[in-house]
Protein backbone atom coordinates (compact mmCIF):
# COMPACT_ATOMS: atom_id res chain seq x y z
CA MET A 1 26.63 17.88 47.95
CA THR A 2 27.50 14.25 47.40
CA THR A 3 27.97 11.83 50.24
CA ALA A 4 30.27 8.84 50.62
CA ARG A 5 27.21 6.66 50.11
CA ASP A 6 26.43 8.38 46.81
CA ASP A 7 30.04 8.02 45.66
CA GLY A 8 29.93 4.34 46.56
CA ALA A 9 26.74 3.82 44.55
CA VAL A 10 28.25 5.58 41.53
CA ARG A 11 31.40 3.46 41.76
CA THR A 12 29.32 0.29 42.05
CA ARG A 13 27.39 1.22 38.92
CA ALA A 14 30.69 1.96 37.17
CA TRP A 15 31.99 -1.52 38.00
CA ILE A 16 28.74 -3.05 36.75
CA ALA A 17 29.15 -1.06 33.53
CA TRP A 18 32.74 -2.33 33.17
CA ILE A 19 31.63 -5.94 33.65
CA ALA A 20 28.95 -5.38 31.01
CA VAL A 21 31.60 -4.11 28.59
CA CYS A 22 33.75 -7.20 29.19
CA LEU A 23 30.85 -9.60 28.69
CA ILE A 24 29.25 -7.87 25.70
CA TRP A 25 32.38 -7.08 23.71
CA GLY A 26 33.80 -10.49 24.58
CA THR A 27 30.75 -12.16 23.02
CA THR A 28 30.63 -10.03 19.86
CA TYR A 29 33.31 -12.19 18.20
CA LEU A 30 30.99 -15.18 18.44
CA ALA A 31 28.02 -13.13 17.24
CA ILE A 32 29.99 -11.87 14.22
CA LYS A 33 31.05 -15.41 13.30
CA ILE A 34 27.44 -16.62 13.33
CA ALA A 35 26.07 -13.55 11.54
CA LEU A 36 28.55 -14.09 8.70
CA GLU A 37 26.68 -17.26 7.75
CA THR A 38 24.19 -15.17 5.72
CA ILE A 39 25.29 -11.52 6.08
CA PRO A 40 28.27 -10.27 3.99
CA PRO A 41 31.00 -8.61 6.07
CA PHE A 42 30.84 -4.97 4.96
CA LEU A 43 27.05 -4.84 4.89
CA MET A 44 26.99 -6.38 8.36
CA GLY A 45 29.18 -3.64 9.76
CA GLY A 46 27.56 -0.91 7.69
CA LEU A 47 23.99 -1.77 8.64
CA ARG A 48 25.01 -2.41 12.25
CA TYR A 49 26.77 0.88 12.83
CA THR A 50 24.50 3.18 10.85
CA THR A 51 21.49 1.73 12.68
CA ALA A 52 23.20 1.95 16.06
CA GLY A 53 24.43 5.49 15.40
CA LEU A 54 21.02 6.73 14.28
CA LEU A 55 19.33 5.03 17.23
CA LEU A 56 21.79 6.56 19.71
CA ALA A 57 21.36 9.99 18.10
CA VAL A 58 17.56 9.75 18.40
CA ILE A 59 17.81 8.71 22.05
CA LEU A 60 20.16 11.60 22.84
CA ARG A 61 17.93 14.14 21.07
CA ALA A 62 14.87 12.78 22.89
CA ARG A 63 16.72 13.37 26.17
CA GLY A 64 17.46 16.97 25.21
CA HIS A 65 21.12 16.54 24.20
CA ARG A 66 22.49 18.41 21.21
CA LEU A 67 24.62 16.49 18.76
CA PRO A 68 28.11 17.82 17.91
CA ALA A 69 28.10 20.93 15.71
CA ARG A 70 28.61 20.64 11.96
CA PRO A 71 32.21 21.97 11.99
CA THR A 72 33.20 18.84 13.94
CA TRP A 73 31.63 16.42 11.49
CA GLY A 74 34.69 16.28 9.22
CA PRO A 75 37.09 15.12 11.95
CA LEU A 76 34.44 12.71 13.29
CA ALA A 77 34.04 11.24 9.80
CA ILE A 78 37.81 10.66 9.63
CA VAL A 79 37.73 8.93 13.01
CA GLY A 80 34.73 6.87 11.88
CA PHE A 81 36.63 5.74 8.79
CA PHE A 82 39.70 4.55 10.69
CA MET A 83 38.10 3.18 13.86
CA ILE A 84 34.79 1.84 12.51
CA ALA A 85 35.27 1.13 8.79
CA LEU A 86 38.86 -0.14 9.05
CA GLY A 87 38.84 -1.18 12.71
CA ASN A 88 35.62 -3.17 12.74
CA GLY A 89 35.62 -3.91 9.01
CA GLY A 90 38.97 -5.67 9.29
CA VAL A 91 37.75 -7.82 12.17
CA VAL A 92 34.56 -8.88 10.37
CA TRP A 93 36.43 -9.62 7.15
CA ALA A 94 39.00 -11.68 9.07
CA GLU A 95 36.39 -13.82 10.80
CA GLN A 96 35.40 -15.27 7.44
CA SER A 97 38.56 -17.40 7.61
CA VAL A 98 39.94 -16.99 11.15
CA PRO A 99 38.24 -18.56 14.23
CA SER A 100 36.49 -16.02 16.44
CA GLY A 101 38.59 -16.77 19.51
CA LEU A 102 41.83 -16.51 17.57
CA THR A 103 40.68 -13.19 16.10
CA ALA A 104 40.13 -11.85 19.62
CA VAL A 105 43.63 -12.92 20.64
CA LEU A 106 45.14 -11.25 17.56
CA ILE A 107 43.30 -8.03 18.43
CA GLY A 108 45.51 -8.04 21.52
CA THR A 109 48.25 -6.62 19.30
CA SER A 110 46.46 -3.22 19.23
CA PRO A 111 48.76 -1.70 21.90
CA PHE A 112 51.76 -2.42 19.67
CA TRP A 113 50.17 -0.48 16.83
CA MET A 114 49.27 2.32 19.25
CA VAL A 115 52.92 2.69 20.24
CA GLY A 116 54.15 2.57 16.64
CA VAL A 117 51.64 5.08 15.27
CA ASP A 118 52.17 7.45 18.18
CA ALA A 119 55.91 7.40 17.54
CA LEU A 120 55.44 8.30 13.86
CA VAL A 121 53.13 11.30 14.24
CA PRO A 122 54.59 14.75 14.98
CA GLY A 123 54.93 15.32 18.70
CA GLY A 124 54.44 11.65 19.55
CA GLN A 125 56.46 9.65 22.06
CA ARG A 126 59.53 8.01 20.60
CA VAL A 127 59.91 4.26 21.02
CA LEU A 128 62.42 3.42 23.73
CA ALA A 129 64.62 0.33 24.00
CA ARG A 130 62.29 -1.37 26.47
CA GLN A 131 59.34 -0.78 24.17
CA TRP A 132 61.25 -2.24 21.20
CA MET A 133 61.83 -5.32 23.32
CA GLY A 134 58.13 -5.54 24.14
CA LEU A 135 57.18 -5.14 20.48
CA THR A 136 59.60 -7.91 19.53
CA VAL A 137 58.20 -10.24 22.19
CA GLY A 138 54.65 -9.53 21.05
CA PHE A 139 55.52 -10.17 17.41
CA LEU A 140 57.08 -13.49 18.43
CA GLY A 141 53.78 -14.40 20.10
CA ILE A 142 51.90 -13.67 16.87
CA VAL A 143 54.29 -15.86 14.91
CA ILE A 144 53.79 -18.74 17.37
CA LEU A 145 50.04 -18.28 17.10
CA VAL A 146 49.54 -18.19 13.35
CA TRP A 147 52.60 -19.73 11.66
CA PRO A 148 51.38 -23.37 11.46
CA ASP A 149 48.09 -22.31 9.84
CA ILE A 150 49.66 -19.85 7.41
CA THR A 151 52.24 -22.39 6.24
CA ALA A 152 49.65 -25.17 5.89
CA GLY A 153 49.37 -24.41 2.18
CA GLY A 154 46.33 -24.57 -0.08
CA GLU A 155 43.37 -22.22 -0.27
CA GLY A 156 42.68 -22.50 3.46
CA GLY A 157 46.19 -21.42 4.39
CA ARG A 158 46.07 -18.41 2.04
CA ALA A 159 42.63 -17.36 3.30
CA PHE A 160 43.81 -17.65 6.89
CA GLY A 161 46.88 -15.54 6.08
CA TRP A 162 44.76 -12.80 4.54
CA GLY A 163 42.50 -12.94 7.59
CA VAL A 164 45.49 -12.32 9.86
CA VAL A 165 46.48 -9.37 7.65
CA ALA A 166 42.93 -8.00 7.91
CA VAL A 167 43.10 -8.11 11.71
CA GLN A 168 46.36 -6.16 11.66
CA ILE A 169 44.81 -3.59 9.31
CA ALA A 170 41.97 -3.31 11.83
CA CYS A 171 44.46 -2.74 14.67
CA ALA A 172 46.35 -0.15 12.61
CA GLY A 173 43.12 1.65 11.73
CA TRP A 174 42.11 1.77 15.39
CA ALA A 175 45.55 3.13 16.34
CA VAL A 176 45.51 5.84 13.66
CA GLY A 177 41.96 6.83 14.61
CA SER A 178 42.91 7.01 18.28
CA ALA A 179 45.98 9.15 17.55
CA TYR A 180 43.90 11.46 15.35
CA THR A 181 41.23 11.75 18.04
CA ARG A 182 43.74 12.79 20.70
CA ARG A 183 45.15 15.55 18.48
CA HIS A 184 42.21 16.82 16.43
CA VAL A 185 38.96 15.77 18.12
CA LEU A 186 37.98 17.05 21.56
CA PRO A 187 34.51 15.60 22.13
CA ARG A 188 32.64 17.36 24.90
CA ASP A 189 29.75 14.96 24.40
CA ILE A 190 31.25 11.47 24.19
CA LEU A 191 28.00 9.70 23.30
CA GLY A 192 27.03 12.32 20.71
CA SER A 193 30.43 12.02 19.06
CA ALA A 194 30.15 8.24 19.16
CA ALA A 195 26.78 8.38 17.41
CA LEU A 196 28.18 10.42 14.53
CA GLN A 197 31.33 8.27 14.31
CA MET A 198 29.16 5.16 13.99
CA ILE A 199 26.96 6.80 11.34
CA PHE A 200 29.94 7.93 9.26
CA GLY A 201 31.88 4.69 9.73
CA GLY A 202 28.82 2.62 8.91
CA GLY A 203 28.25 4.72 5.80
CA PHE A 204 31.77 3.97 4.57
CA MET A 205 31.19 0.25 5.09
CA LEU A 206 27.84 0.36 3.29
CA ALA A 207 29.56 2.06 0.35
CA ALA A 208 32.27 -0.64 0.30
CA GLY A 209 29.68 -3.42 0.44
CA THR A 210 27.72 -1.82 -2.39
CA LEU A 211 30.81 -1.43 -4.59
CA ILE A 212 31.76 -5.10 -4.31
CA GLY A 213 28.17 -6.31 -4.82
CA GLU A 214 27.33 -7.68 -1.38
CA TRP A 215 23.62 -6.84 -1.53
CA ASP A 216 22.90 -9.87 -3.73
CA ASN A 217 24.17 -12.16 -0.96
CA LEU A 218 22.41 -10.48 1.96
CA SER A 219 19.82 -12.48 3.89
CA PHE A 220 18.76 -13.09 7.49
CA SER A 221 18.02 -16.43 9.09
CA ALA A 222 16.77 -17.63 12.46
CA ARG A 223 20.42 -17.72 13.58
CA THR A 224 21.91 -14.65 11.93
CA GLY A 225 19.00 -12.24 12.50
CA PRO A 226 19.16 -12.32 16.32
CA MET A 227 22.97 -12.05 16.17
CA PHE A 228 22.72 -8.92 14.03
CA VAL A 229 20.22 -7.37 16.45
CA TYR A 230 22.52 -8.27 19.36
CA LEU A 231 25.53 -6.68 17.65
CA THR A 232 23.56 -3.53 16.89
CA LEU A 233 21.82 -2.96 20.22
CA ALA A 234 24.06 -4.61 22.79
CA GLY A 235 27.41 -4.59 20.99
CA SER A 236 27.17 -0.97 19.84
CA VAL A 237 24.60 1.13 21.74
CA VAL A 238 24.56 -0.50 25.20
CA ALA A 239 28.24 -1.44 25.37
CA PHE A 240 29.48 1.96 24.28
CA ALA A 241 27.22 3.73 26.80
CA ALA A 242 28.51 1.39 29.52
CA TYR A 243 32.11 1.96 28.39
CA SER A 244 31.66 5.73 28.52
CA TYR A 245 30.15 5.53 32.01
CA ALA A 246 32.93 3.28 33.30
CA LEU A 247 35.59 5.50 31.75
CA LYS A 248 34.10 8.54 33.48
CA HIS A 249 34.08 7.03 36.98
CA LEU A 250 36.97 4.52 36.99
CA ASP A 251 40.68 4.85 36.33
CA VAL A 252 41.49 4.48 32.63
CA ALA A 253 44.09 1.79 33.41
CA VAL A 254 41.40 -0.26 35.15
CA VAL A 255 38.90 0.18 32.33
CA SER A 256 41.50 -0.87 29.73
CA LEU A 257 41.75 -4.29 31.38
CA TYR A 258 38.72 -5.35 29.33
CA THR A 259 41.19 -5.99 26.50
CA TYR A 260 42.61 -8.87 28.58
CA VAL A 261 39.18 -10.30 29.42
CA ASN A 262 37.62 -10.25 25.93
CA PRO A 263 39.95 -12.84 24.33
CA VAL A 264 39.31 -15.28 27.18
CA ILE A 265 35.54 -15.03 26.71
CA ALA A 266 35.84 -15.25 22.92
CA VAL A 267 38.09 -18.32 23.00
CA VAL A 268 35.87 -20.15 25.50
CA LEU A 269 32.67 -19.42 23.57
CA GLY A 270 34.23 -20.28 20.22
CA THR A 271 35.51 -23.60 21.55
CA LEU A 272 32.30 -24.59 23.33
CA LEU A 273 29.66 -23.33 20.89
CA LEU A 274 31.35 -23.40 17.48
CA ASP A 275 33.79 -26.28 18.01
CA GLU A 276 36.68 -24.00 17.08
CA PRO A 277 40.13 -25.54 17.50
CA PHE A 278 41.93 -24.99 20.78
CA SER A 279 45.46 -26.08 21.57
CA PRO A 280 48.20 -25.44 24.15
CA ARG A 281 49.98 -23.44 21.43
CA MET A 282 47.23 -20.81 21.69
CA LEU A 283 47.83 -20.50 25.44
CA VAL A 284 51.58 -20.15 24.95
CA ALA A 285 51.17 -17.59 22.17
CA ALA A 286 48.60 -15.58 24.16
CA ALA A 287 50.95 -15.54 27.16
CA VAL A 288 53.84 -14.29 24.99
CA ILE A 289 51.65 -11.56 23.44
CA LEU A 290 50.47 -10.53 26.91
CA ALA A 291 54.07 -10.37 28.12
CA GLY A 292 54.93 -8.05 25.24
CA MET A 293 51.93 -5.84 26.03
CA LEU A 294 52.96 -5.60 29.69
CA ILE A 295 56.53 -4.67 28.74
CA VAL A 296 55.35 -1.92 26.40
CA GLY A 297 52.58 -0.70 28.70
CA GLY A 298 54.73 -0.72 31.80
CA GLN A 299 57.28 1.58 30.19
CA ARG A 300 54.65 4.05 28.99
CA ARG A 301 52.89 4.19 32.35
CA ARG A 302 56.15 5.18 34.03
């Protein structure tokens, strides 16, 4: 029998876990940017997620937990491809040419992709007029954010444009993976499923890195080595465990607020530590994107 005191302690730990998610995932954009100095993008994600997935699987087995049965591995591999290989792979690829803080702000378009993908799949919710308005407002925010850099011309402008496209591919991959998970994957063991998703997703990224010859450019330095370890242990294993715990004991709407906190942390760290550009235009664009998210999200919550 649980007491009010026990429930309070659990809720306190859940809030601590949520704060950890905000801080850790908010700092991963900076860590990725630094790690890219010597680690190619696909190998970074591949080595990070296969290592994290194997480590989490070993920890779970040592604690007596069984991993998901083999019949579920196919669907988990599909989710790993869309959410890890495309979702994270697009972000890492983008940060080669897009500032880390700006990448975090662009990731804020994920809810728009969620709505669009959900409307396209059989049995999904159709997009209502209010949601179309929110999508339009959010798209306007993206245009305000990236248009001057894309139209700057030259190699830098083209690279920046492809980086923005990569972020949107990442958001689309995450949305497709999420929609597939809701319809075809019913994980009874969230952490066990996460371990296999990371292993499969990391494997896809390792294959991509191998195909395009990234191994010849792989090295670790005094700066990039610690960032890779941080991304693997804190950014993957610890943060996902904290996220799962918070999601179990807090309302999902509350937990999802980390998506509003992460860009703030990423922009501040990128500006202070990497001298990334910051302008009032970024604030205006972020506010417009947030307004679009609230319009879309408010309709769906009702």
